[in-house]
Full PDB file with SEQRES, HELIX, SHEET, SSBOND, CRYST1, ORIGX, SCALE, CONECT and MASTER records, all heavy atoms in Angstrom:
SEQRES   1 A   38  GLY PHE LEU LEU PHE ILE ILE LEU LEU ALA VAL PRO ALA          
SEQRES   2 A   38  ALA ALA LEU PRO GLY TYR LEU ALA SER PRO TYR HIS GLN          
SEQRES   3 A   38  ALA ALA ASP MET LYS MET GLY ALA PHE PHE PHE ASN              
HELIX    1 AA1 PHE A    2  PHE A    5  1                                   4    
HELIX    2 AA2 ILE A    6  ALA A   10  3                                   5    
HELIX    3 AA3 ALA A   13  ALA A   15  5                                   3    
HELIX    4 AA4 LEU A   16  LEU A   20  1                                   5    
HELIX    5 AA5 PRO A   23  GLN A   26  1                                   4    
HELIX    6 AA6 ALA A   28  PHE A   37  1                                  10    
CRYST1    1.000    1.000    1.000  90.00  90.00  90.00 P 1           1          
ORIGX1      1.000000  0.000000  0.000000        0.00000                         
ORIGX2      0.000000  1.000000  0.000000        0.00000                         
ORIGX3      0.000000  0.000000  1.000000        0.00000                         
SCALE1      1.000000  0.000000  0.000000        0.00000                         
SCALE2      0.000000  1.000000  0.000000        0.00000                         
SCALE3      0.000000  0.000000  1.000000        0.00000                         
ATOM      1  N   GLY A   1     -18.369-132.769 197.082  1.00  0.00           N  
ATOM      2  CA  GLY A   1     -19.590-132.159 196.572  1.00  0.00           C  
ATOM      3  C   GLY A   1     -19.834-132.492 195.112  1.00  0.00           C  
ATOM      4  O   GLY A   1     -20.966-132.767 194.694  1.00  0.00           O  
ATOM      5  N   PHE A   2     -18.764-132.490 194.306  1.00  0.00           N  
ATOM      6  CA  PHE A   2     -18.885-132.852 192.891  1.00  0.00           C  
ATOM      7  C   PHE A   2     -19.337-134.305 192.745  1.00  0.00           C  
ATOM      8  O   PHE A   2     -20.224-134.621 191.942  1.00  0.00           O  
ATOM      9  CB  PHE A   2     -17.540-132.631 192.202  1.00  0.00           C  
ATOM     10  CG  PHE A   2     -17.488-133.120 190.787  1.00  0.00           C  
ATOM     11  CD1 PHE A   2     -18.175-132.458 189.778  1.00  0.00           C  
ATOM     12  CD2 PHE A   2     -16.756-134.260 190.454  1.00  0.00           C  
ATOM     13  CE1 PHE A   2     -18.133-132.916 188.463  1.00  0.00           C  
ATOM     14  CE2 PHE A   2     -16.699-134.717 189.153  1.00  0.00           C  
ATOM     15  CZ  PHE A   2     -17.396-134.045 188.158  1.00  0.00           C  
ATOM     16  N   LEU A   3     -18.744-135.209 193.537  1.00  0.00           N  
ATOM     17  CA  LEU A   3     -19.116-136.620 193.471  1.00  0.00           C  
ATOM     18  C   LEU A   3     -20.564-136.828 193.903  1.00  0.00           C  
ATOM     19  O   LEU A   3     -21.307-137.591 193.276  1.00  0.00           O  
ATOM     20  CB  LEU A   3     -18.182-137.449 194.357  1.00  0.00           C  
ATOM     21  CG  LEU A   3     -16.701-137.482 193.956  1.00  0.00           C  
ATOM     22  CD1 LEU A   3     -15.904-138.316 194.943  1.00  0.00           C  
ATOM     23  CD2 LEU A   3     -16.522-138.019 192.550  1.00  0.00           C  
ATOM     24  N   LEU A   4     -20.987-136.149 194.981  1.00  0.00           N  
ATOM     25  CA  LEU A   4     -22.365-136.288 195.442  1.00  0.00           C  
ATOM     26  C   LEU A   4     -23.356-135.727 194.424  1.00  0.00           C  
ATOM     27  O   LEU A   4     -24.469-136.257 194.274  1.00  0.00           O  
ATOM     28  CB  LEU A   4     -22.542-135.586 196.789  1.00  0.00           C  
ATOM     29  CG  LEU A   4     -21.851-136.244 197.985  1.00  0.00           C  
ATOM     30  CD1 LEU A   4     -22.042-135.403 199.237  1.00  0.00           C  
ATOM     31  CD2 LEU A   4     -22.381-137.653 198.208  1.00  0.00           C  
ATOM     32  N   PHE A   5     -22.967-134.666 193.725  1.00  0.00           N  
ATOM     33  CA  PHE A   5     -23.835-134.118 192.678  1.00  0.00           C  
ATOM     34  C   PHE A   5     -24.073-135.157 191.588  1.00  0.00           C  
ATOM     35  O   PHE A   5     -25.211-135.357 191.136  1.00  0.00           O  
ATOM     36  CB  PHE A   5     -23.202-132.860 192.080  1.00  0.00           C  
ATOM     37  CG  PHE A   5     -23.891-132.381 190.828  1.00  0.00           C  
ATOM     38  CD1 PHE A   5     -25.100-131.706 190.913  1.00  0.00           C  
ATOM     39  CD2 PHE A   5     -23.341-132.627 189.583  1.00  0.00           C  
ATOM     40  CE1 PHE A   5     -25.751-131.274 189.760  1.00  0.00           C  
ATOM     41  CE2 PHE A   5     -23.983-132.194 188.424  1.00  0.00           C  
ATOM     42  CZ  PHE A   5     -25.194-131.522 188.516  1.00  0.00           C  
ATOM     43  N   ILE A   6     -22.992-135.840 191.165  1.00  0.00           N  
ATOM     44  CA  ILE A   6     -23.143-136.861 190.126  1.00  0.00           C  
ATOM     45  C   ILE A   6     -23.993-138.030 190.632  1.00  0.00           C  
ATOM     46  O   ILE A   6     -24.890-138.513 189.940  1.00  0.00           O  
ATOM     47  CB  ILE A   6     -21.756-137.369 189.676  1.00  0.00           C  
ATOM     48  CG1 ILE A   6     -20.982-136.239 188.993  1.00  0.00           C  
ATOM     49  CG2 ILE A   6     -21.901-138.559 188.732  1.00  0.00           C  
ATOM     50  CD1 ILE A   6     -19.583-136.616 188.592  1.00  0.00           C  
ATOM     51  N   ILE A   7     -23.712-138.460 191.866  1.00  0.00           N  
ATOM     52  CA  ILE A   7     -24.401-139.639 192.399  1.00  0.00           C  
ATOM     53  C   ILE A   7     -25.880-139.372 192.657  1.00  0.00           C  
ATOM     54  O   ILE A   7     -26.742-140.206 192.341  1.00  0.00           O  
ATOM     55  CB  ILE A   7     -23.702-140.105 193.693  1.00  0.00           C  
ATOM     56  CG1 ILE A   7     -22.301-140.640 193.378  1.00  0.00           C  
ATOM     57  CG2 ILE A   7     -24.523-141.173 194.415  1.00  0.00           C  
ATOM     58  CD1 ILE A   7     -21.447-140.867 194.602  1.00  0.00           C  
ATOM     59  N   LEU A   8     -26.205-138.201 193.208  1.00  0.00           N  
ATOM     60  CA  LEU A   8     -27.566-137.941 193.662  1.00  0.00           C  
ATOM     61  C   LEU A   8     -28.425-137.185 192.654  1.00  0.00           C  
ATOM     62  O   LEU A   8     -29.648-137.341 192.652  1.00  0.00           O  
ATOM     63  CB  LEU A   8     -27.535-137.159 194.978  1.00  0.00           C  
ATOM     64  CG  LEU A   8     -26.832-137.850 196.156  1.00  0.00           C  
ATOM     65  CD1 LEU A   8     -26.789-136.929 197.363  1.00  0.00           C  
ATOM     66  CD2 LEU A   8     -27.521-139.161 196.499  1.00  0.00           C  
ATOM     67  N   LEU A   9     -27.797-136.367 191.797  1.00  0.00           N  
ATOM     68  CA  LEU A   9     -28.589-135.480 190.944  1.00  0.00           C  
ATOM     69  C   LEU A   9     -28.363-135.671 189.447  1.00  0.00           C  
ATOM     70  O   LEU A   9     -29.307-135.584 188.662  1.00  0.00           O  
ATOM     71  CB  LEU A   9     -28.293-134.014 191.311  1.00  0.00           C  
ATOM     72  CG  LEU A   9     -28.638-133.599 192.746  1.00  0.00           C  
ATOM     73  CD1 LEU A   9     -28.188-132.168 193.002  1.00  0.00           C  
ATOM     74  CD2 LEU A   9     -30.127-133.745 192.998  1.00  0.00           C  
ATOM     75  N   ALA A  10     -27.125-135.909 189.054  1.00  0.00           N  
ATOM     76  CA  ALA A  10     -26.821-135.913 187.619  1.00  0.00           C  
ATOM     77  C   ALA A  10     -27.460-137.083 186.885  1.00  0.00           C  
ATOM     78  O   ALA A  10     -27.760-136.976 185.688  1.00  0.00           O  
ATOM     79  CB  ALA A  10     -25.306-135.926 187.408  1.00  0.00           C  
ATOM     80  N   VAL A  11     -27.654-138.208 187.568  1.00  0.00           N  
ATOM     81  CA  VAL A  11     -28.263-139.388 186.935  1.00  0.00           C  
ATOM     82  C   VAL A  11     -29.662-139.564 187.514  1.00  0.00           C  
ATOM     83  O   VAL A  11     -29.803-139.967 188.673  1.00  0.00           O  
ATOM     84  CB  VAL A  11     -27.415-140.654 187.172  1.00  0.00           C  
ATOM     85  CG1 VAL A  11     -28.040-141.851 186.459  1.00  0.00           C  
ATOM     86  CG2 VAL A  11     -25.986-140.446 186.694  1.00  0.00           C  
ATOM     87  N   PRO A  12     -30.721-139.280 186.747  1.00  0.00           N  
ATOM     88  CA  PRO A  12     -32.092-139.464 187.259  1.00  0.00           C  
ATOM     89  C   PRO A  12     -32.353-140.929 187.591  1.00  0.00           C  
ATOM     90  O   PRO A  12     -31.713-141.835 187.054  1.00  0.00           O  
ATOM     91  CB  PRO A  12     -32.968-138.985 186.098  1.00  0.00           C  
ATOM     92  CG  PRO A  12     -32.067-138.175 185.216  1.00  0.00           C  
ATOM     93  CD  PRO A  12     -30.698-138.743 185.378  1.00  0.00           C  
ATOM     94  N   ALA A  13     -33.320-141.153 188.476  1.00  0.00           N  
ATOM     95  CA  ALA A  13     -33.636-142.514 188.893  1.00  0.00           C  
ATOM     96  C   ALA A  13     -34.033-143.388 187.707  1.00  0.00           C  
ATOM     97  O   ALA A  13     -33.656-144.565 187.633  1.00  0.00           O  
ATOM     98  CB  ALA A  13     -34.757-142.489 189.936  1.00  0.00           C  
ATOM     99  N   ALA A  14     -34.774-142.817 186.768  1.00  0.00           N  
ATOM    100  CA  ALA A  14     -35.223-143.600 185.614  1.00  0.00           C  
ATOM    101  C   ALA A  14     -34.064-144.013 184.710  1.00  0.00           C  
ATOM    102  O   ALA A  14     -34.160-145.000 183.977  1.00  0.00           O  
ATOM    103  CB  ALA A  14     -36.247-142.807 184.810  1.00  0.00           C  
ATOM    104  N   ALA A  15     -32.964-143.239 184.769  1.00  0.00           N  
ATOM    105  CA  ALA A  15     -31.822-143.533 183.901  1.00  0.00           C  
ATOM    106  C   ALA A  15     -30.788-144.442 184.567  1.00  0.00           C  
ATOM    107  O   ALA A  15     -29.828-144.854 183.908  1.00  0.00           O  
ATOM    108  CB  ALA A  15     -31.151-142.220 183.486  1.00  0.00           C  
ATOM    109  N   LEU A  16     -30.969-144.759 185.851  1.00  0.00           N  
ATOM    110  CA  LEU A  16     -29.977-145.563 186.565  1.00  0.00           C  
ATOM    111  C   LEU A  16     -29.757-146.941 185.940  1.00  0.00           C  
ATOM    112  O   LEU A  16     -28.604-147.346 185.724  1.00  0.00           O  
ATOM    113  CB  LEU A  16     -30.391-145.710 188.029  1.00  0.00           C  
ATOM    114  CG  LEU A  16     -29.723-144.774 189.034  1.00  0.00           C  
ATOM    115  CD1 LEU A  16     -30.255-145.039 190.435  1.00  0.00           C  
ATOM    116  CD2 LEU A  16     -28.220-144.915 189.005  1.00  0.00           C  
ATOM    117  N   PRO A  17     -30.823-147.713 185.640  1.00  0.00           N  
ATOM    118  CA  PRO A  17     -30.578-149.032 185.037  1.00  0.00           C  
ATOM    119  C   PRO A  17     -29.799-148.950 183.735  1.00  0.00           C  
ATOM    120  O   PRO A  17     -28.906-149.766 183.491  1.00  0.00           O  
ATOM    121  CB  PRO A  17     -31.993-149.587 184.821  1.00  0.00           C  
ATOM    122  CG  PRO A  17     -32.843-148.867 185.819  1.00  0.00           C  
ATOM    123  CD  PRO A  17     -32.255-147.491 185.905  1.00  0.00           C  
ATOM    124  N   GLY A  18     -30.118-147.957 182.906  1.00  0.00           N  
ATOM    125  CA  GLY A  18     -29.395-147.805 181.643  1.00  0.00           C  
ATOM    126  C   GLY A  18     -27.945-147.431 181.853  1.00  0.00           C  
ATOM    127  O   GLY A  18     -27.054-147.928 181.153  1.00  0.00           O  
ATOM    128  N   TYR A  19     -27.701-146.553 182.832  1.00  0.00           N  
ATOM    129  CA  TYR A  19     -26.313-146.160 183.090  1.00  0.00           C  
ATOM    130  C   TYR A  19     -25.493-147.343 183.597  1.00  0.00           C  
ATOM    131  O   TYR A  19     -24.354-147.549 183.186  1.00  0.00           O  
ATOM    132  CB  TYR A  19     -26.248-145.017 184.100  1.00  0.00           C  
ATOM    133  CG  TYR A  19     -24.822-144.636 184.437  1.00  0.00           C  
ATOM    134  CD1 TYR A  19     -24.116-143.776 183.611  1.00  0.00           C  
ATOM    135  CD2 TYR A  19     -24.181-145.152 185.551  1.00  0.00           C  
ATOM    136  CE1 TYR A  19     -22.794-143.444 183.887  1.00  0.00           C  
ATOM    137  CE2 TYR A  19     -22.874-144.831 185.841  1.00  0.00           C  
ATOM    138  CZ  TYR A  19     -22.183-143.982 185.005  1.00  0.00           C  
ATOM    139  OH  TYR A  19     -20.876-143.676 185.279  1.00  0.00           O  
ATOM    140  N   LEU A  20     -26.071-148.133 184.515  1.00  0.00           N  
ATOM    141  CA  LEU A  20     -25.334-149.266 185.069  1.00  0.00           C  
ATOM    142  C   LEU A  20     -25.041-150.327 184.004  1.00  0.00           C  
ATOM    143  O   LEU A  20     -24.127-151.136 184.183  1.00  0.00           O  
ATOM    144  CB  LEU A  20     -26.118-149.893 186.226  1.00  0.00           C  
ATOM    145  CG  LEU A  20     -26.299-149.021 187.471  1.00  0.00           C  
ATOM    146  CD1 LEU A  20     -27.085-149.760 188.536  1.00  0.00           C  
ATOM    147  CD2 LEU A  20     -24.957-148.555 188.023  1.00  0.00           C  
ATOM    148  N   ALA A  21     -25.796-150.335 182.923  1.00  0.00           N  
ATOM    149  CA  ALA A  21     -25.558-151.291 181.835  1.00  0.00           C  
ATOM    150  C   ALA A  21     -24.684-150.702 180.729  1.00  0.00           C  
ATOM    151  O   ALA A  21     -24.341-151.420 179.774  1.00  0.00           O  
ATOM    152  CB  ALA A  21     -26.887-151.754 181.248  1.00  0.00           C  
ATOM    153  N   SER A  22     -24.318-149.423 180.848  1.00  0.00           N  
ATOM    154  CA  SER A  22     -23.589-148.761 179.771  1.00  0.00           C  
ATOM    155  C   SER A  22     -22.139-149.233 179.702  1.00  0.00           C  
ATOM    156  O   SER A  22     -21.543-149.626 180.710  1.00  0.00           O  
ATOM    157  CB  SER A  22     -23.610-147.242 179.979  1.00  0.00           C  
ATOM    158  OG  SER A  22     -22.853-146.897 181.135  1.00  0.00           O  
ATOM    159  N   PRO A  23     -21.535-149.208 178.513  1.00  0.00           N  
ATOM    160  CA  PRO A  23     -20.119-149.585 178.387  1.00  0.00           C  
ATOM    161  C   PRO A  23     -19.201-148.720 179.238  1.00  0.00           C  
ATOM    162  O   PRO A  23     -18.204-149.218 179.773  1.00  0.00           O  
ATOM    163  CB  PRO A  23     -19.841-149.401 176.886  1.00  0.00           C  
ATOM    164  CG  PRO A  23     -21.175-149.531 176.227  1.00  0.00           C  
ATOM    165  CD  PRO A  23     -22.156-148.951 177.197  1.00  0.00           C  
ATOM    166  N   TYR A  24     -19.510-147.436 179.377  1.00  0.00           N  
ATOM    167  CA  TYR A  24     -18.654-146.554 180.179  1.00  0.00           C  
ATOM    168  C   TYR A  24     -18.602-147.032 181.623  1.00  0.00           C  
ATOM    169  O   TYR A  24     -17.527-147.088 182.228  1.00  0.00           O  
ATOM    170  CB  TYR A  24     -19.171-145.116 180.115  1.00  0.00           C  
ATOM    171  CG  TYR A  24     -18.288-144.141 180.858  1.00  0.00           C  
ATOM    172  CD1 TYR A  24     -17.217-143.515 180.228  1.00  0.00           C  
ATOM    173  CD2 TYR A  24     -18.516-143.852 182.209  1.00  0.00           C  
ATOM    174  CE1 TYR A  24     -16.398-142.635 180.910  1.00  0.00           C  
ATOM    175  CE2 TYR A  24     -17.701-142.969 182.896  1.00  0.00           C  
ATOM    176  CZ  TYR A  24     -16.650-142.370 182.244  1.00  0.00           C  
ATOM    177  OH  TYR A  24     -15.829-141.511 182.931  1.00  0.00           O  
ATOM    178  N   HIS A  25     -19.761-147.369 182.173  1.00  0.00           N  
ATOM    179  CA  HIS A  25     -19.789-147.856 183.559  1.00  0.00           C  
ATOM    180  C   HIS A  25     -19.082-149.197 183.685  1.00  0.00           C  
ATOM    181  O   HIS A  25     -18.353-149.430 184.655  1.00  0.00           O  
ATOM    182  CB  HIS A  25     -21.236-147.971 184.046  1.00  0.00           C  
ATOM    183  CG  HIS A  25     -21.367-148.571 185.407  1.00  0.00           C  
ATOM    184  ND1 HIS A  25     -21.029-147.894 186.556  1.00  0.00           N  
ATOM    185  CD2 HIS A  25     -21.762-149.816 185.800  1.00  0.00           C  
ATOM    186  CE1 HIS A  25     -21.227-148.681 187.602  1.00  0.00           C  
ATOM    187  NE2 HIS A  25     -21.665-149.847 187.174  1.00  0.00           N  
ATOM    188  N   GLN A  26     -19.278-150.080 182.737  1.00  0.00           N  
ATOM    189  CA  GLN A  26     -18.637-151.389 182.798  1.00  0.00           C  
ATOM    190  C   GLN A  26     -17.112-151.273 182.810  1.00  0.00           C  
ATOM    191  O   GLN A  26     -16.429-152.091 183.425  1.00  0.00           O  
ATOM    192  CB  GLN A  26     -19.077-152.244 181.609  1.00  0.00           C  
ATOM    193  CG  GLN A  26     -20.548-152.615 181.617  1.00  0.00           C  
ATOM    194  CD  GLN A  26     -20.924-153.481 180.431  1.00  0.00           C  
ATOM    195  OE1 GLN A  26     -20.189-154.399 180.059  1.00  0.00           O  
ATOM    196  NE2 GLN A  26     -22.069-153.193 179.825  1.00  0.00           N  
ATOM    197  N   ALA A  27     -16.595-150.249 182.142  1.00  0.00           N  
ATOM    198  CA  ALA A  27     -15.142-150.060 182.049  1.00  0.00           C  
ATOM    199  C   ALA A  27     -14.630-149.023 183.041  1.00  0.00           C  
ATOM    200  O   ALA A  27     -13.507-148.524 182.887  1.00  0.00           O  
ATOM    201  CB  ALA A  27     -14.772-149.637 180.631  1.00  0.00           C  
ATOM    202  N   ALA A  28     -15.408-148.707 184.079  1.00  0.00           N  
ATOM    203  CA  ALA A  28     -15.036-147.623 184.988  1.00  0.00           C  
ATOM    204  C   ALA A  28     -13.692-147.854 185.655  1.00  0.00           C  
ATOM    205  O   ALA A  28     -12.903-146.916 185.831  1.00  0.00           O  
ATOM    206  CB  ALA A  28     -16.127-147.441 186.058  1.00  0.00           C  
ATOM    207  N   ASP A  29     -13.392-149.094 186.045  1.00  0.00           N  
ATOM    208  CA  ASP A  29     -12.107-149.365 186.700  1.00  0.00           C  
ATOM    209  C   ASP A  29     -10.944-149.158 185.746  1.00  0.00           C  
ATOM    210  O   ASP A  29      -9.904-148.601 186.118  1.00  0.00           O  
ATOM    211  CB  ASP A  29     -12.091-150.784 187.267  1.00  0.00           C  
ATOM    212  CG  ASP A  29     -12.375-151.838 186.216  1.00  0.00           C  
ATOM    213  OD1 ASP A  29     -13.364-151.688 185.472  1.00  0.00           O  
ATOM    214  OD2 ASP A  29     -11.607-152.813 186.127  1.00  0.00           O  
ATOM    215  N   MET A  30     -11.100-149.573 184.495  1.00  0.00           N  
ATOM    216  CA  MET A  30     -10.027-149.389 183.516  1.00  0.00           C  
ATOM    217  C   MET A  30      -9.886-147.924 183.127  1.00  0.00           C  
ATOM    218  O   MET A  30      -8.775-147.445 182.870  1.00  0.00           O  
ATOM    219  CB  MET A  30     -10.283-150.267 182.295  1.00  0.00           C  
ATOM    220  CG  MET A  30     -10.230-151.762 182.607  1.00  0.00           C  
ATOM    221  SD  MET A  30     -10.401-152.835 181.161  1.00  0.00           S  
ATOM    222  CE  MET A  30     -12.152-152.638 180.791  1.00  0.00           C  
ATOM    223  N   LYS A  31     -11.003-147.189 183.087  1.00  0.00           N  
ATOM    224  CA  LYS A  31     -10.928-145.753 182.814  1.00  0.00           C  
ATOM    225  C   LYS A  31     -10.182-145.029 183.932  1.00  0.00           C  
ATOM    226  O   LYS A  31      -9.371-144.132 183.669  1.00  0.00           O  
ATOM    227  CB  LYS A  31     -12.341-145.177 182.665  1.00  0.00           C  
ATOM    228  CG  LYS A  31     -13.086-145.599 181.422  1.00  0.00           C  
ATOM    229  CD  LYS A  31     -12.535-144.964 180.167  1.00  0.00           C  
ATOM    230  CE  LYS A  31     -12.881-143.485 180.083  1.00  0.00           C  
ATOM    231  NZ  LYS A  31     -12.458-142.894 178.786  1.00  0.00           N  
ATOM    232  N   MET A  32     -10.442-145.431 185.172  1.00  0.00           N  
ATOM    233  CA  MET A  32      -9.743-144.820 186.305  1.00  0.00           C  
ATOM    234  C   MET A  32      -8.247-145.092 186.228  1.00  0.00           C  
ATOM    235  O   MET A  32      -7.417-144.204 186.439  1.00  0.00           O  
ATOM    236  CB  MET A  32     -10.318-145.346 187.615  1.00  0.00           C  
ATOM    237  CG  MET A  32      -9.595-144.853 188.861  1.00  0.00           C  
ATOM    238  SD  MET A  32      -9.801-143.086 189.169  1.00  0.00           S  
ATOM    239  CE  MET A  32     -11.466-143.079 189.848  1.00  0.00           C  
ATOM    240  N   GLY A  33      -7.877-146.329 185.911  1.00  0.00           N  
ATOM    241  CA  GLY A  33      -6.465-146.661 185.784  1.00  0.00           C  
ATOM    242  C   GLY A  33      -5.798-145.909 184.650  1.00  0.00           C  
ATOM    243  O   GLY A  33      -4.676-145.412 184.793  1.00  0.00           O  
ATOM    244  N   ALA A  34      -6.498-145.800 183.517  1.00  0.00           N  
ATOM    245  CA  ALA A  34      -5.920-145.097 182.369  1.00  0.00           C  
ATOM    246  C   ALA A  34      -5.727-143.619 182.664  1.00  0.00           C  
ATOM    247  O   ALA A  34      -4.806-142.987 182.122  1.00  0.00           O  
ATOM    248  CB  ALA A  34      -6.834-145.274 181.157  1.00  0.00           C  
ATOM    249  N   PHE A  35      -6.579-143.040 183.520  1.00  0.00           N  
ATOM    250  CA  PHE A  35      -6.461-141.619 183.850  1.00  0.00           C  
ATOM    251  C   PHE A  35      -5.110-141.313 184.484  1.00  0.00           C  
ATOM    252  O   PHE A  35      -4.508-140.260 184.217  1.00  0.00           O  
ATOM    253  CB  PHE A  35      -7.596-141.219 184.800  1.00  0.00           C  
ATOM    254  CG  PHE A  35      -7.574-139.761 185.185  1.00  0.00           C  
ATOM    255  CD1 PHE A  35      -8.100-138.811 184.340  1.00  0.00           C  
ATOM    256  CD2 PHE A  35      -7.034-139.351 186.392  1.00  0.00           C  
ATOM    257  CE1 PHE A  35      -8.090-137.462 184.695  1.00  0.00           C  
ATOM    258  CE2 PHE A  35      -7.021-138.015 186.757  1.00  0.00           C  
ATOM    259  CZ  PHE A  35      -7.555-137.074 185.905  1.00  0.00           C  
ATOM    260  N   PHE A  36      -4.602-142.231 185.297  1.00  0.00           N  
ATOM    261  CA  PHE A  36      -3.347-141.986 186.004  1.00  0.00           C  
ATOM    262  C   PHE A  36      -2.128-142.611 185.315  1.00  0.00           C  
ATOM    263  O   PHE A  36      -1.012-142.113 185.471  1.00  0.00           O  
ATOM    264  CB  PHE A  36      -3.436-142.516 187.440  1.00  0.00           C  
ATOM    265  CG  PHE A  36      -4.317-141.676 188.323  1.00  0.00           C  
ATOM    266  CD1 PHE A  36      -5.588-142.097 188.673  1.00  0.00           C  
ATOM    267  CD2 PHE A  36      -3.880-140.448 188.790  1.00  0.00           C  
ATOM    268  CE1 PHE A  36      -6.397-141.324 189.489  1.00  0.00           C  
ATOM    269  CE2 PHE A  36      -4.680-139.661 189.605  1.00  0.00           C  
ATOM    270  CZ  PHE A  36      -5.943-140.105 189.945  1.00  0.00           C  
ATOM    271  N   PHE A  37      -2.341-143.692 184.565  1.00  0.00           N  
ATOM    272  CA  PHE A  37      -1.186-144.377 183.990  1.00  0.00           C  
ATOM    273  C   PHE A  37      -0.940-144.011 182.525  1.00  0.00           C  
ATOM    274  O   PHE A  37       0.170-144.164 182.029  1.00  0.00           O  
ATOM    275  CB  PHE A  37      -1.347-145.892 184.146  1.00  0.00           C  
ATOM    276  CG  PHE A  37      -1.246-146.342 185.573  1.00  0.00           C  
ATOM    277  CD1 PHE A  37      -2.387-146.653 186.297  1.00  0.00           C  
ATOM    278  CD2 PHE A  37      -0.018-146.438 186.209  1.00  0.00           C  
ATOM    279  CE1 PHE A  37      -2.304-147.053 187.626  1.00  0.00           C  
ATOM    280  CE2 PHE A  37       0.081-146.833 187.530  1.00  0.00           C  
ATOM    281  CZ  PHE A  37      -1.067-147.146 188.234  1.00  0.00           C  
ATOM    282  N   ASN A  38      -1.971-143.549 181.826  1.00  0.00           N  
ATOM    283  CA  ASN A  38      -1.776-142.986 180.486  1.00  0.00           C  
ATOM    284  C   ASN A  38      -1.947-141.472 180.610  1.00  0.00           C  
ATOM    285  O   ASN A  38      -2.996-140.916 180.293  1.00  0.00           O  
ATOM    286  CB  ASN A  38      -2.789-143.570 179.493  1.00  0.00           C  
ATOM    287  CG  ASN A  38      -2.590-145.057 179.296  1.00  0.00           C  
ATOM    288  OD1 ASN A  38      -1.485-145.572 179.477  1.00  0.00           O  
ATOM    289  ND2 ASN A  38      -3.648-145.760 178.929  1.00  0.00           N  
TER     290      ASN A  38                                                      
MASTER        0    0    0    6    0    0    0    6  289    1    0    3          
END                                                                             
């Protein structure tokens, strides 16, 4: 439910292109790895 809230509601449609180009999104795989390994 938390994931679906972020995917469907937290990011408005108009903000999707900007989010997909953001540094945070670009580094999402490394952020996920750092969450468990650091």
